[in-house]
Amino acid sequence: MQALFIAAALSASIPSDPSSLKALLGVQVVGNVRFDEQLNAAKAIGFRNIRLAVRANEVVDRTGRYSWSVADARILTVLRSGYRPIITIFGIPTMGGQVSPPTEQAAAYAEFAAQTVSHFGAGASGRPIIYELWNEPNTKTFWG
């Protein structure tokens, strides 16, 4: 939450014209603060973008079946609240609980990313959904 207040102080002097830099500012949803508190704080500060992850381990079970309930709850709330979601597509589905060779991991991630974009779509006019393919490639979780 401290980061929200720091960002608010920095963004206070930026004009609110939709074509300005302020229209690009957003906030990352974290797991240790209630989701509704984060959205309310972002709204109070004036952020328009909410960055959150769709995680493979929350969407794809060990048999390869997709269940969007966890991701839908967060992303549809963001959309209904008038924010633009920035969705980080995160993780590799591990069917059968096995770690696959890198080529199979890449194919599984590509399929997961395609399914995510297909499920959530492009967003609304003026509020397109932005997709980020993973992030932080410098970590051991990225390279496995």
N, C-alpha and C. Protein backbone atom coordinates (compact mmCIF):
# COMPACT_ATOMS: atom_id res chain seq x y z
N MET A 1 0.82 -1.19 0.00
CA MET A 1 0.00 0.00 0.00
C MET A 1 0.88 1.26 0.00
N GLN A 2 2.08 1.19 0.62
CA GLN A 2 2.95 2.36 0.61
C GLN A 2 3.30 2.77 -0.81
N ALA A 3 3.49 1.77 -1.68
CA ALA A 3 3.81 2.07 -3.08
C ALA A 3 2.69 2.85 -3.74
N LEU A 4 1.44 2.55 -3.39
CA LEU A 4 0.31 3.30 -3.96
C LEU A 4 0.39 4.77 -3.57
N PHE A 5 0.73 5.03 -2.33
CA PHE A 5 0.79 6.41 -1.87
C PHE A 5 1.97 7.17 -2.49
N ILE A 6 3.08 6.48 -2.66
CA ILE A 6 4.23 7.10 -3.32
C ILE A 6 3.87 7.42 -4.77
N ALA A 7 3.24 6.45 -5.45
CA ALA A 7 2.82 6.68 -6.83
C ALA A 7 1.82 7.81 -6.92
N ALA A 8 0.94 7.90 -5.93
CA ALA A 8 -0.05 8.98 -5.93
C ALA A 8 0.64 10.33 -5.84
N ALA A 9 1.63 10.42 -5.00
CA ALA A 9 2.35 11.69 -4.87
C ALA A 9 3.06 12.05 -6.16
N LEU A 10 3.64 11.06 -6.81
CA LEU A 10 4.35 11.32 -8.07
C LEU A 10 3.39 11.68 -9.20
N SER A 11 2.19 11.07 -9.20
CA SER A 11 1.26 11.30 -10.30
C SER A 11 0.39 12.53 -10.10
N ALA A 12 0.42 13.13 -8.94
CA ALA A 12 -0.47 14.26 -8.65
C ALA A 12 -0.24 15.44 -9.58
N SER A 13 0.99 15.62 -10.02
CA SER A 13 1.30 16.77 -10.86
C SER A 13 1.12 16.49 -12.35
N ILE A 14 0.80 15.24 -12.72
CA ILE A 14 0.63 14.90 -14.13
C ILE A 14 -0.80 15.23 -14.53
N PRO A 15 -1.03 15.89 -15.65
CA PRO A 15 -2.39 16.23 -16.08
C PRO A 15 -3.26 14.99 -16.25
N SER A 16 -4.57 15.13 -16.07
CA SER A 16 -5.46 13.97 -16.17
C SER A 16 -6.03 13.76 -17.57
N ASP A 17 -5.58 14.52 -18.55
CA ASP A 17 -6.00 14.33 -19.94
C ASP A 17 -5.73 12.87 -20.33
N PRO A 18 -6.74 12.17 -20.91
CA PRO A 18 -6.57 10.75 -21.25
C PRO A 18 -5.35 10.46 -22.13
N SER A 19 -4.88 11.41 -22.89
CA SER A 19 -3.72 11.17 -23.74
C SER A 19 -2.41 11.42 -23.01
N SER A 20 -2.48 11.78 -21.74
CA SER A 20 -1.27 12.10 -20.99
C SER A 20 -0.65 10.85 -20.38
N LEU A 21 0.50 11.05 -19.78
CA LEU A 21 1.22 9.99 -19.10
C LEU A 21 0.38 9.39 -17.97
N LYS A 22 -0.42 10.20 -17.30
CA LYS A 22 -1.21 9.71 -16.18
C LYS A 22 -2.17 8.61 -16.63
N ALA A 23 -2.66 8.68 -17.85
CA ALA A 23 -3.56 7.65 -18.36
C ALA A 23 -2.87 6.29 -18.46
N LEU A 24 -1.55 6.29 -18.48
CA LEU A 24 -0.79 5.05 -18.59
C LEU A 24 -0.45 4.44 -17.24
N LEU A 25 -0.59 5.20 -16.17
CA LEU A 25 -0.21 4.71 -14.86
C LEU A 25 -1.14 3.59 -14.41
N GLY A 26 -0.58 2.64 -13.70
CA GLY A 26 -1.36 1.54 -13.18
C GLY A 26 -0.76 1.02 -11.90
N VAL A 27 -1.40 0.02 -11.37
CA VAL A 27 -0.95 -0.55 -10.11
C VAL A 27 -0.97 -2.07 -10.23
N GLN A 28 -0.01 -2.72 -9.59
CA GLN A 28 0.10 -4.17 -9.57
C GLN A 28 -0.71 -4.71 -8.41
N VAL A 29 -1.57 -5.68 -8.68
CA VAL A 29 -2.32 -6.35 -7.62
C VAL A 29 -1.38 -7.33 -6.94
N VAL A 30 -1.39 -7.31 -5.61
CA VAL A 30 -0.55 -8.21 -4.82
C VAL A 30 -1.42 -9.13 -3.98
N GLY A 31 -0.85 -10.18 -3.47
CA GLY A 31 -1.63 -11.17 -2.75
C GLY A 31 -1.80 -10.93 -1.26
N ASN A 32 -1.05 -10.00 -0.69
CA ASN A 32 -1.10 -9.82 0.76
C ASN A 32 -2.00 -8.66 1.22
N VAL A 33 -2.76 -8.07 0.30
CA VAL A 33 -3.71 -7.01 0.62
C VAL A 33 -5.03 -7.38 -0.04
N ARG A 34 -6.13 -7.20 0.67
CA ARG A 34 -7.43 -7.56 0.10
C ARG A 34 -7.63 -6.88 -1.25
N PHE A 35 -8.17 -7.66 -2.20
CA PHE A 35 -8.36 -7.20 -3.57
C PHE A 35 -9.21 -5.94 -3.63
N ASP A 36 -10.32 -5.91 -2.91
CA ASP A 36 -11.19 -4.74 -2.96
C ASP A 36 -10.51 -3.50 -2.39
N GLU A 37 -9.66 -3.66 -1.38
CA GLU A 37 -8.91 -2.53 -0.83
C GLU A 37 -7.96 -1.96 -1.88
N GLN A 38 -7.31 -2.84 -2.64
CA GLN A 38 -6.39 -2.39 -3.68
C GLN A 38 -7.13 -1.62 -4.77
N LEU A 39 -8.29 -2.13 -5.19
CA LEU A 39 -9.06 -1.43 -6.22
C LEU A 39 -9.55 -0.08 -5.72
N ASN A 40 -10.01 -0.03 -4.47
CA ASN A 40 -10.48 1.24 -3.91
C ASN A 40 -9.35 2.26 -3.81
N ALA A 41 -8.17 1.80 -3.39
CA ALA A 41 -7.02 2.71 -3.28
C ALA A 41 -6.60 3.20 -4.65
N ALA A 42 -6.59 2.32 -5.63
CA ALA A 42 -6.22 2.70 -7.00
C ALA A 42 -7.19 3.74 -7.54
N LYS A 43 -8.47 3.53 -7.27
CA LYS A 43 -9.49 4.47 -7.74
C LYS A 43 -9.32 5.83 -7.07
N ALA A 44 -9.07 5.84 -5.77
CA ALA A 44 -8.90 7.09 -5.03
C ALA A 44 -7.71 7.89 -5.55
N ILE A 45 -6.67 7.19 -5.98
CA ILE A 45 -5.46 7.85 -6.49
C ILE A 45 -5.67 8.32 -7.93
N GLY A 46 -6.52 7.63 -8.65
CA GLY A 46 -6.77 8.01 -10.03
C GLY A 46 -6.15 7.09 -11.07
N PHE A 47 -5.69 5.91 -10.65
CA PHE A 47 -5.13 4.96 -11.60
C PHE A 47 -6.23 4.43 -12.50
N ARG A 48 -5.87 4.10 -13.73
CA ARG A 48 -6.83 3.55 -14.69
C ARG A 48 -6.50 2.13 -15.11
N ASN A 49 -5.30 1.66 -14.78
CA ASN A 49 -4.84 0.34 -15.20
C ASN A 49 -4.54 -0.51 -13.97
N ILE A 50 -4.96 -1.77 -14.03
CA ILE A 50 -4.69 -2.71 -12.95
C ILE A 50 -3.96 -3.91 -13.55
N ARG A 51 -2.76 -4.17 -13.04
CA ARG A 51 -1.96 -5.30 -13.53
C ARG A 51 -2.15 -6.48 -12.59
N LEU A 52 -2.53 -7.62 -13.17
CA LEU A 52 -2.73 -8.81 -12.37
C LEU A 52 -2.39 -10.04 -13.21
N ALA A 53 -2.14 -11.13 -12.53
CA ALA A 53 -1.69 -12.34 -13.22
C ALA A 53 -2.83 -13.32 -13.41
N VAL A 54 -2.76 -14.02 -14.55
CA VAL A 54 -3.54 -15.25 -14.74
C VAL A 54 -2.49 -16.35 -14.67
N ARG A 55 -2.60 -17.16 -13.62
CA ARG A 55 -1.58 -18.18 -13.35
C ARG A 55 -2.04 -19.56 -13.82
N ALA A 56 -1.14 -20.25 -14.49
CA ALA A 56 -1.46 -21.58 -15.01
C ALA A 56 -1.94 -22.52 -13.90
N ASN A 57 -1.30 -22.45 -12.74
CA ASN A 57 -1.68 -23.38 -11.67
C ASN A 57 -3.05 -23.08 -11.07
N GLU A 58 -3.63 -21.92 -11.39
CA GLU A 58 -4.98 -21.59 -10.94
C GLU A 58 -6.03 -21.88 -12.02
N VAL A 59 -5.57 -22.12 -13.25
CA VAL A 59 -6.50 -22.26 -14.37
C VAL A 59 -6.50 -23.68 -14.95
N VAL A 60 -5.33 -24.30 -15.08
CA VAL A 60 -5.23 -25.60 -15.75
C VAL A 60 -4.94 -26.67 -14.71
N ASP A 61 -5.81 -27.70 -14.66
CA ASP A 61 -5.56 -28.78 -13.70
C ASP A 61 -4.59 -29.81 -14.28
N ARG A 62 -4.27 -30.82 -13.51
CA ARG A 62 -3.27 -31.81 -13.92
C ARG A 62 -3.69 -32.66 -15.12
N THR A 63 -4.98 -32.63 -15.43
CA THR A 63 -5.45 -33.40 -16.59
C THR A 63 -5.50 -32.53 -17.85
N GLY A 64 -5.20 -31.21 -17.70
CA GLY A 64 -5.23 -30.31 -18.84
C GLY A 64 -6.54 -29.58 -19.02
N ARG A 65 -7.48 -29.78 -18.10
CA ARG A 65 -8.77 -29.08 -18.19
C ARG A 65 -8.63 -27.67 -17.63
N TYR A 66 -9.32 -26.73 -18.30
CA TYR A 66 -9.28 -25.32 -17.92
C TYR A 66 -10.49 -24.98 -17.06
N SER A 67 -10.24 -24.25 -15.98
CA SER A 67 -11.31 -23.72 -15.14
C SER A 67 -10.94 -22.27 -14.84
N TRP A 68 -11.76 -21.35 -15.31
CA TRP A 68 -11.44 -19.93 -15.26
C TRP A 68 -11.99 -19.22 -14.02
N SER A 69 -12.60 -19.91 -13.08
CA SER A 69 -13.32 -19.25 -11.98
C SER A 69 -12.46 -18.28 -11.17
N VAL A 70 -11.26 -18.67 -10.82
CA VAL A 70 -10.39 -17.78 -10.02
C VAL A 70 -10.01 -16.54 -10.83
N ALA A 71 -9.55 -16.75 -12.05
CA ALA A 71 -9.14 -15.62 -12.90
C ALA A 71 -10.34 -14.75 -13.26
N ASP A 72 -11.47 -15.37 -13.58
CA ASP A 72 -12.68 -14.60 -13.90
C ASP A 72 -13.08 -13.68 -12.75
N ALA A 73 -13.03 -14.19 -11.54
CA ALA A 73 -13.44 -13.39 -10.38
C ALA A 73 -12.65 -12.09 -10.31
N ARG A 74 -11.35 -12.17 -10.50
CA ARG A 74 -10.51 -10.96 -10.41
C ARG A 74 -10.66 -10.08 -11.64
N ILE A 75 -10.53 -10.65 -12.82
CA ILE A 75 -10.49 -9.84 -14.04
C ILE A 75 -11.85 -9.23 -14.35
N LEU A 76 -12.92 -9.98 -14.15
CA LEU A 76 -14.24 -9.41 -14.40
C LEU A 76 -14.56 -8.29 -13.40
N THR A 77 -14.06 -8.42 -12.17
CA THR A 77 -14.21 -7.33 -11.20
C THR A 77 -13.47 -6.09 -11.66
N VAL A 78 -12.27 -6.26 -12.18
CA VAL A 78 -11.49 -5.13 -12.70
C VAL A 78 -12.23 -4.48 -13.86
N LEU A 79 -12.74 -5.28 -14.78
CA LEU A 79 -13.47 -4.74 -15.93
C LEU A 79 -14.74 -4.00 -15.49
N ARG A 80 -15.51 -4.60 -14.59
CA ARG A 80 -16.75 -3.96 -14.11
C ARG A 80 -16.46 -2.67 -13.35
N SER A 81 -15.28 -2.58 -12.76
CA SER A 81 -14.91 -1.38 -12.01
C SER A 81 -14.43 -0.25 -12.90
N GLY A 82 -14.34 -0.50 -14.20
CA GLY A 82 -13.96 0.54 -15.15
C GLY A 82 -12.47 0.66 -15.41
N TYR A 83 -11.69 -0.27 -14.91
CA TYR A 83 -10.24 -0.25 -15.14
C TYR A 83 -9.90 -1.01 -16.41
N ARG A 84 -8.69 -0.74 -16.90
CA ARG A 84 -8.13 -1.53 -18.00
C ARG A 84 -7.22 -2.57 -17.35
N PRO A 85 -7.48 -3.86 -17.59
CA PRO A 85 -6.59 -4.87 -17.03
C PRO A 85 -5.32 -5.03 -17.87
N ILE A 86 -4.23 -5.19 -17.18
CA ILE A 86 -2.97 -5.60 -17.78
C ILE A 86 -2.74 -7.01 -17.24
N ILE A 87 -2.94 -8.00 -18.08
CA ILE A 87 -2.92 -9.39 -17.64
C ILE A 87 -1.55 -9.99 -17.94
N THR A 88 -0.87 -10.43 -16.88
CA THR A 88 0.38 -11.17 -17.04
C THR A 88 0.03 -12.65 -17.11
N ILE A 89 0.35 -13.28 -18.22
CA ILE A 89 0.09 -14.71 -18.41
C ILE A 89 1.30 -15.44 -17.83
N PHE A 90 1.07 -16.14 -16.72
CA PHE A 90 2.17 -16.59 -15.88
C PHE A 90 2.11 -18.09 -15.62
N GLY A 91 3.20 -18.77 -15.83
CA GLY A 91 3.33 -20.17 -15.45
C GLY A 91 3.12 -21.12 -16.61
N ILE A 92 3.56 -22.33 -16.39
CA ILE A 92 3.46 -23.38 -17.40
C ILE A 92 2.56 -24.48 -16.85
N PRO A 93 1.51 -24.84 -17.58
CA PRO A 93 0.67 -25.96 -17.14
C PRO A 93 1.51 -27.23 -17.00
N THR A 94 1.33 -27.95 -15.91
CA THR A 94 2.08 -29.18 -15.68
C THR A 94 1.11 -30.35 -15.63
N MET A 95 0.69 -30.81 -16.78
CA MET A 95 -0.22 -31.93 -16.86
C MET A 95 0.44 -33.17 -16.27
N GLY A 96 -0.27 -33.85 -15.42
CA GLY A 96 0.26 -35.05 -14.78
C GLY A 96 1.27 -34.74 -13.69
N GLY A 97 1.49 -33.46 -13.40
CA GLY A 97 2.42 -33.08 -12.34
C GLY A 97 3.89 -33.27 -12.72
N GLN A 98 4.16 -33.54 -13.97
CA GLN A 98 5.53 -33.79 -14.42
C GLN A 98 6.14 -32.53 -15.01
N VAL A 99 7.45 -32.39 -14.83
CA VAL A 99 8.17 -31.31 -15.49
C VAL A 99 8.55 -31.82 -16.87
N SER A 100 8.15 -31.11 -17.89
CA SER A 100 8.36 -31.52 -19.27
C SER A 100 9.67 -30.95 -19.81
N PRO A 101 10.14 -31.51 -20.93
CA PRO A 101 11.30 -30.91 -21.60
C PRO A 101 10.97 -29.48 -22.04
N PRO A 102 11.98 -28.64 -22.25
CA PRO A 102 11.74 -27.23 -22.60
C PRO A 102 10.83 -27.03 -23.81
N THR A 103 10.96 -27.86 -24.85
CA THR A 103 10.10 -27.67 -26.03
C THR A 103 8.64 -27.93 -25.69
N GLU A 104 8.37 -28.90 -24.85
CA GLU A 104 6.99 -29.17 -24.43
C GLU A 104 6.49 -28.07 -23.51
N GLN A 105 7.37 -27.54 -22.66
CA GLN A 105 6.99 -26.43 -21.79
C GLN A 105 6.61 -25.22 -22.63
N ALA A 106 7.40 -24.93 -23.66
CA ALA A 106 7.12 -23.79 -24.53
C ALA A 106 5.78 -23.97 -25.22
N ALA A 107 5.49 -25.18 -25.70
CA ALA A 107 4.21 -25.45 -26.36
C ALA A 107 3.06 -25.33 -25.38
N ALA A 108 3.25 -25.81 -24.15
CA ALA A 108 2.20 -25.73 -23.13
C ALA A 108 1.93 -24.27 -22.76
N TYR A 109 3.01 -23.49 -22.64
CA TYR A 109 2.82 -22.07 -22.32
C TYR A 109 2.12 -21.35 -23.47
N ALA A 110 2.52 -21.63 -24.70
CA ALA A 110 1.89 -21.00 -25.86
C ALA A 110 0.40 -21.32 -25.91
N GLU A 111 0.04 -22.55 -25.63
CA GLU A 111 -1.38 -22.95 -25.62
C GLU A 111 -2.12 -22.24 -24.48
N PHE A 112 -1.50 -22.18 -23.32
CA PHE A 112 -2.11 -21.49 -22.17
C PHE A 112 -2.31 -20.01 -22.49
N ALA A 113 -1.31 -19.37 -23.10
CA ALA A 113 -1.44 -17.96 -23.47
C ALA A 113 -2.56 -17.77 -24.48
N ALA A 114 -2.62 -18.64 -25.48
CA ALA A 114 -3.67 -18.53 -26.50
C ALA A 114 -5.05 -18.72 -25.88
N GLN A 115 -5.18 -19.68 -24.98
CA GLN A 115 -6.47 -19.91 -24.31
C GLN A 115 -6.87 -18.71 -23.45
N THR A 116 -5.89 -18.10 -22.79
CA THR A 116 -6.18 -16.94 -21.94
C THR A 116 -6.69 -15.78 -22.78
N VAL A 117 -6.01 -15.47 -23.87
CA VAL A 117 -6.43 -14.38 -24.75
C VAL A 117 -7.78 -14.70 -25.37
N SER A 118 -7.99 -15.93 -25.76
CA SER A 118 -9.27 -16.32 -26.33
C SER A 118 -10.39 -16.16 -25.30
N HIS A 119 -10.11 -16.53 -24.05
CA HIS A 119 -11.13 -16.46 -23.00
C HIS A 119 -11.51 -15.01 -22.66
N PHE A 120 -10.51 -14.14 -22.48
CA PHE A 120 -10.80 -12.77 -22.04
C PHE A 120 -10.99 -11.79 -23.19
N GLY A 121 -10.47 -12.10 -24.35
CA GLY A 121 -10.69 -11.26 -25.52
C GLY A 121 -9.87 -9.99 -25.53
N ALA A 122 -10.34 -9.05 -26.33
CA ALA A 122 -9.61 -7.80 -26.56
C ALA A 122 -10.03 -6.68 -25.61
N GLY A 123 -11.13 -6.85 -24.91
CA GLY A 123 -11.60 -5.79 -24.03
C GLY A 123 -12.56 -4.86 -24.74
N ALA A 124 -12.88 -3.78 -24.08
CA ALA A 124 -13.86 -2.83 -24.61
C ALA A 124 -13.16 -1.72 -25.39
N SER A 125 -13.90 -1.07 -26.24
CA SER A 125 -13.38 0.08 -26.97
C SER A 125 -12.94 1.14 -25.97
N GLY A 126 -11.76 1.64 -26.13
CA GLY A 126 -11.23 2.64 -25.21
C GLY A 126 -10.59 2.03 -23.97
N ARG A 127 -10.83 0.74 -23.74
CA ARG A 127 -10.23 0.04 -22.60
C ARG A 127 -9.78 -1.35 -23.04
N PRO A 128 -8.88 -1.41 -24.00
CA PRO A 128 -8.44 -2.74 -24.45
C PRO A 128 -7.66 -3.45 -23.35
N ILE A 129 -7.78 -4.76 -23.32
CA ILE A 129 -6.99 -5.54 -22.38
C ILE A 129 -5.57 -5.61 -22.92
N ILE A 130 -4.62 -5.37 -22.05
CA ILE A 130 -3.20 -5.49 -22.41
C ILE A 130 -2.71 -6.82 -21.86
N TYR A 131 -2.02 -7.59 -22.69
CA TYR A 131 -1.48 -8.88 -22.26
C TYR A 131 0.04 -8.79 -22.18
N GLU A 132 0.57 -9.32 -21.09
CA GLU A 132 2.01 -9.39 -20.89
C GLU A 132 2.39 -10.86 -20.83
N LEU A 133 3.33 -11.25 -21.66
CA LEU A 133 3.77 -12.64 -21.66
C LEU A 133 4.83 -12.83 -20.60
N TRP A 134 4.39 -13.40 -19.51
CA TRP A 134 5.23 -13.67 -18.34
C TRP A 134 5.89 -12.37 -17.92
N ASN A 135 6.86 -12.44 -17.11
CA ASN A 135 7.66 -11.27 -16.76
C ASN A 135 8.86 -11.74 -15.96
N GLU A 136 9.76 -10.85 -15.69
CA GLU A 136 10.95 -11.12 -14.88
C GLU A 136 11.72 -12.36 -15.35
N PRO A 137 12.21 -12.35 -16.60
CA PRO A 137 12.93 -13.52 -17.10
C PRO A 137 14.28 -13.75 -16.41
N ASN A 138 14.62 -12.88 -15.49
CA ASN A 138 15.89 -13.05 -14.78
C ASN A 138 15.74 -13.93 -13.53
N THR A 139 14.55 -14.49 -13.29
CA THR A 139 14.37 -15.29 -12.09
C THR A 139 14.41 -16.78 -12.40
N LYS A 140 14.70 -17.58 -11.38
CA LYS A 140 14.78 -19.04 -11.58
C LYS A 140 13.41 -19.63 -11.92
N THR A 141 12.30 -18.99 -11.51
CA THR A 141 10.99 -19.52 -11.84
C THR A 141 10.68 -19.37 -13.32
N PHE A 142 11.29 -18.38 -13.95
CA PHE A 142 11.06 -18.18 -15.39
C PHE A 142 11.76 -19.27 -16.19
N TRP A 143 13.02 -19.51 -15.88
CA TRP A 143 13.81 -20.45 -16.67
C TRP A 143 13.67 -21.88 -16.20
N GLY A 144 13.12 -22.10 -15.01
CA GLY A 144 12.94 -23.47 -14.53
C GLY A 144 14.26 -24.11 -14.21
